[in-house]
């Protein structure tokens, strides 16, 4: 991510309960385009163990899922309850995100 893009970006997705050292943020530019992942894409929420990829998949945020995958997010991680990003995408019926996650190595 270019320094200028990050400087102009607004943080829109953040693990609010994550440990300060492992916060995850996705930056969105002034035109609404995603410009980068600002921290560890696999950071987990305290307690639930959710990752940004799981949350983005659960909220049908295709561009955020793509960005997190490009940043190296691990599609095989499970939350504390066994939930995965693929399970989230399938549960909400988002076949495009589910296929993207499968193509990146996610399995049920």
C-alpha atoms as a PDB file:
ATOM      1  CA  UNK A   1       0.000   0.000   0.000  1.00  0.00           C
ATOM      2  CA  UNK A   2       1.401   3.349  -0.991  1.00  0.00           C
ATOM      3  CA  UNK A   3       2.109   5.669   1.953  1.00  0.00           C
ATOM      4  CA  UNK A   4      -0.061   8.390   0.404  1.00  0.00           C
ATOM      5  CA  UNK A   5      -3.000   6.005   0.012  1.00  0.00           C
ATOM      6  CA  UNK A   6      -2.714   4.971   3.633  1.00  0.00           C
ATOM      7  CA  UNK A   7      -2.423   8.589   4.759  1.00  0.00           C
ATOM      8  CA  UNK A   8      -5.652   9.419   2.920  1.00  0.00           C
ATOM      9  CA  UNK A   9      -7.460   6.263   3.957  1.00  0.00           C
ATOM     10  CA  UNK A  10     -10.186   5.897   6.506  1.00  0.00           C
ATOM     11  CA  UNK A  11     -10.134   2.803   8.676  1.00  0.00           C
ATOM     12  CA  UNK A  12     -13.462   1.023   8.256  1.00  0.00           C
ATOM     13  CA  UNK A  13     -12.999  -2.520   9.533  1.00  0.00           C
ATOM     14  CA  UNK A  14     -11.312  -3.061  12.852  1.00  0.00           C
ATOM     15  CA  UNK A  15     -11.284  -5.810  15.399  1.00  0.00           C
ATOM     16  CA  UNK A  16     -12.479  -3.674  18.266  1.00  0.00           C
ATOM     17  CA  UNK A  17     -11.738  -6.315  20.870  1.00  0.00           C
ATOM     18  CA  UNK A  18      -8.384  -7.367  19.431  1.00  0.00           C
ATOM     19  CA  UNK A  19      -5.229  -6.948  21.427  1.00  0.00           C
ATOM     20  CA  UNK A  20      -3.711  -3.556  20.578  1.00  0.00           C
ATOM     21  CA  UNK A  21      -0.567  -5.123  19.086  1.00  0.00           C
ATOM     22  CA  UNK A  22      -2.581  -7.294  16.719  1.00  0.00           C
ATOM     23  CA  UNK A  23      -5.318  -4.986  15.524  1.00  0.00           C
ATOM     24  CA  UNK A  24      -6.506  -5.521  11.984  1.00  0.00           C
ATOM     25  CA  UNK A  25      -7.646  -2.667   9.830  1.00  0.00           C
ATOM     26  CA  UNK A  26      -8.727  -2.373   6.230  1.00  0.00           C
ATOM     27  CA  UNK A  27      -8.176   1.035   4.668  1.00  0.00           C
ATOM     28  CA  UNK A  28     -10.618   2.595   2.228  1.00  0.00           C
ATOM     29  CA  UNK A  29      -9.739   5.620   0.143  1.00  0.00           C
ATOM     30  CA  UNK A  30     -11.854   8.729  -0.346  1.00  0.00           C
ATOM     31  CA  UNK A  31     -13.616   7.217  -3.384  1.00  0.00           C
ATOM     32  CA  UNK A  32     -14.570   4.101  -1.417  1.00  0.00           C
ATOM     33  CA  UNK A  33     -11.940   1.853  -2.985  1.00  0.00           C
ATOM     34  CA  UNK A  34     -10.026  -0.553  -0.788  1.00  0.00           C
ATOM     35  CA  UNK A  35      -6.384   0.408  -0.603  1.00  0.00           C
ATOM     36  CA  UNK A  36      -4.790  -2.014   1.820  1.00  0.00           C
ATOM     37  CA  UNK A  37      -4.555  -4.049   4.968  1.00  0.00           C
ATOM     38  CA  UNK A  38      -2.783  -2.043   7.648  1.00  0.00           C
ATOM     39  CA  UNK A  39      -1.812  -4.864  10.032  1.00  0.00           C
ATOM     40  CA  UNK A  40      -1.778  -8.643  10.534  1.00  0.00           C
ATOM     41  CA  UNK A  41      -4.647 -10.066   8.441  1.00  0.00           C
ATOM     42  CA  UNK A  42      -4.900 -13.076  10.772  1.00  0.00           C
ATOM     43  CA  UNK A  43      -5.213 -11.186  14.060  1.00  0.00           C
ATOM     44  CA  UNK A  44      -8.035 -12.589  16.156  1.00  0.00           C
ATOM     45  CA  UNK A  45     -10.730 -11.079  18.315  1.00  0.00           C
ATOM     46  CA  UNK A  46     -10.222 -11.807  21.976  1.00  0.00           C
ATOM     47  CA  UNK A  47     -12.642 -14.475  23.141  1.00  0.00           C
ATOM     48  CA  UNK A  48     -14.307 -15.412  19.842  1.00  0.00           C
ATOM     49  CA  UNK A  49     -11.148 -15.999  17.833  1.00  0.00           C
ATOM     50  CA  UNK A  50     -12.782 -14.440  14.770  1.00  0.00           C
ATOM     51  CA  UNK A  51     -10.529 -13.005  12.083  1.00  0.00           C
ATOM     52  CA  UNK A  52     -11.187 -10.112   9.706  1.00  0.00           C
ATOM     53  CA  UNK A  53     -11.642 -12.664   6.903  1.00  0.00           C
ATOM     54  CA  UNK A  54     -14.379 -14.455   8.845  1.00  0.00           C
ATOM     55  CA  UNK A  55     -16.158 -11.184   9.589  1.00  0.00           C
ATOM     56  CA  UNK A  56     -15.868  -9.920   6.004  1.00  0.00           C
ATOM     57  CA  UNK A  57     -17.204 -13.233   4.648  1.00  0.00           C
ATOM     58  CA  UNK A  58     -20.079 -13.176   7.141  1.00  0.00           C
ATOM     59  CA  UNK A  59     -20.979  -9.622   6.093  1.00  0.00           C
ATOM     60  CA  UNK A  60     -20.799 -10.394   2.328  1.00  0.00           C
ATOM     61  CA  UNK A  61     -17.976  -7.898   1.798  1.00  0.00           C
ATOM     62  CA  UNK A  62     -16.445  -9.345  -1.348  1.00  0.00           C
ATOM     63  CA  UNK A  63     -13.815  -6.653  -1.901  1.00  0.00           C
ATOM     64  CA  UNK A  64     -12.626  -6.915   1.707  1.00  0.00           C
ATOM     65  CA  UNK A  65     -12.372 -10.698   1.349  1.00  0.00           C
ATOM     66  CA  UNK A  66     -10.290 -10.239  -1.816  1.00  0.00           C
ATOM     67  CA  UNK A  67      -8.044  -7.695  -0.149  1.00  0.00           C
ATOM     68  CA  UNK A  68      -7.503  -9.860   2.925  1.00  0.00           C
ATOM     69  CA  UNK A  69      -6.659 -12.872   0.736  1.00  0.00           C
ATOM     70  CA  UNK A  70      -4.162 -10.758  -1.213  1.00  0.00           C
ATOM     71  CA  UNK A  71      -2.627  -9.731   2.111  1.00  0.00           C
ATOM     72  CA  UNK A  72      -2.126 -13.395   2.990  1.00  0.00           C
ATOM     73  CA  UNK A  73      -5.086 -14.100   5.290  1.00  0.00           C
ATOM     74  CA  UNK A  74      -5.195 -17.777   6.229  1.00  0.00           C
ATOM     75  CA  UNK A  75      -8.416 -19.388   4.955  1.00  0.00           C
ATOM     76  CA  UNK A  76      -7.938 -22.453   7.160  1.00  0.00           C
ATOM     77  CA  UNK A  77      -8.212 -20.676  10.519  1.00  0.00           C
ATOM     78  CA  UNK A  78     -11.111 -21.539  12.816  1.00  0.00           C
ATOM     79  CA  UNK A  79     -12.742 -19.376  15.469  1.00  0.00           C
ATOM     80  CA  UNK A  80     -13.070 -20.661  19.027  1.00  0.00           C
ATOM     81  CA  UNK A  81     -16.402 -22.281  18.111  1.00  0.00           C
ATOM     82  CA  UNK A  82     -14.994 -23.963  14.987  1.00  0.00           C
ATOM     83  CA  UNK A  83     -16.421 -21.342  12.620  1.00  0.00           C
ATOM     84  CA  UNK A  84     -14.476 -20.535   9.419  1.00  0.00           C
ATOM     85  CA  UNK A  85     -14.709 -17.862   6.745  1.00  0.00           C
ATOM     86  CA  UNK A  86     -16.029 -20.485   4.309  1.00  0.00           C
ATOM     87  CA  UNK A  87     -18.724 -21.594   6.767  1.00  0.00           C
ATOM     88  CA  UNK A  88     -19.751 -17.952   7.187  1.00  0.00           C
ATOM     89  CA  UNK A  89     -20.003 -17.373   3.424  1.00  0.00           C
ATOM     90  CA  UNK A  90     -21.997 -20.565   2.944  1.00  0.00           C
ATOM     91  CA  UNK A  91     -24.324 -19.750   5.836  1.00  0.00           C
ATOM     92  CA  UNK A  92     -25.318 -16.403   4.321  1.00  0.00           C
ATOM     93  CA  UNK A  93     -25.554 -17.923   0.834  1.00  0.00           C
ATOM     94  CA  UNK A  94     -22.761 -15.902  -0.765  1.00  0.00           C
ATOM     95  CA  UNK A  95     -21.541 -18.331  -3.422  1.00  0.00           C
ATOM     96  CA  UNK A  96     -19.071 -15.855  -4.938  1.00  0.00           C
ATOM     97  CA  UNK A  97     -17.208 -15.406  -1.651  1.00  0.00           C
ATOM     98  CA  UNK A  98     -17.424 -19.144  -0.938  1.00  0.00           C
ATOM     99  CA  UNK A  99     -15.865 -19.964  -4.330  1.00  0.00           C
ATOM    100  CA  UNK A 100     -13.144 -17.370  -3.792  1.00  0.00           C
ATOM    101  CA  UNK A 101     -12.300 -18.909  -0.418  1.00  0.00           C
ATOM    102  CA  UNK A 102     -12.286 -22.450  -1.885  1.00  0.00           C
ATOM    103  CA  UNK A 103      -9.971 -21.281  -4.666  1.00  0.00           C
ATOM    104  CA  UNK A 104      -7.640 -19.981  -1.938  1.00  0.00           C
ATOM    105  CA  UNK A 105      -7.602 -23.389  -0.232  1.00  0.00           C
ATOM    106  CA  UNK A 106     -10.558 -23.323   2.165  1.00  0.00           C
ATOM    107  CA  UNK A 107     -12.249 -26.662   2.757  1.00  0.00           C
ATOM    108  CA  UNK A 108     -15.259 -27.642   4.822  1.00  0.00           C
END
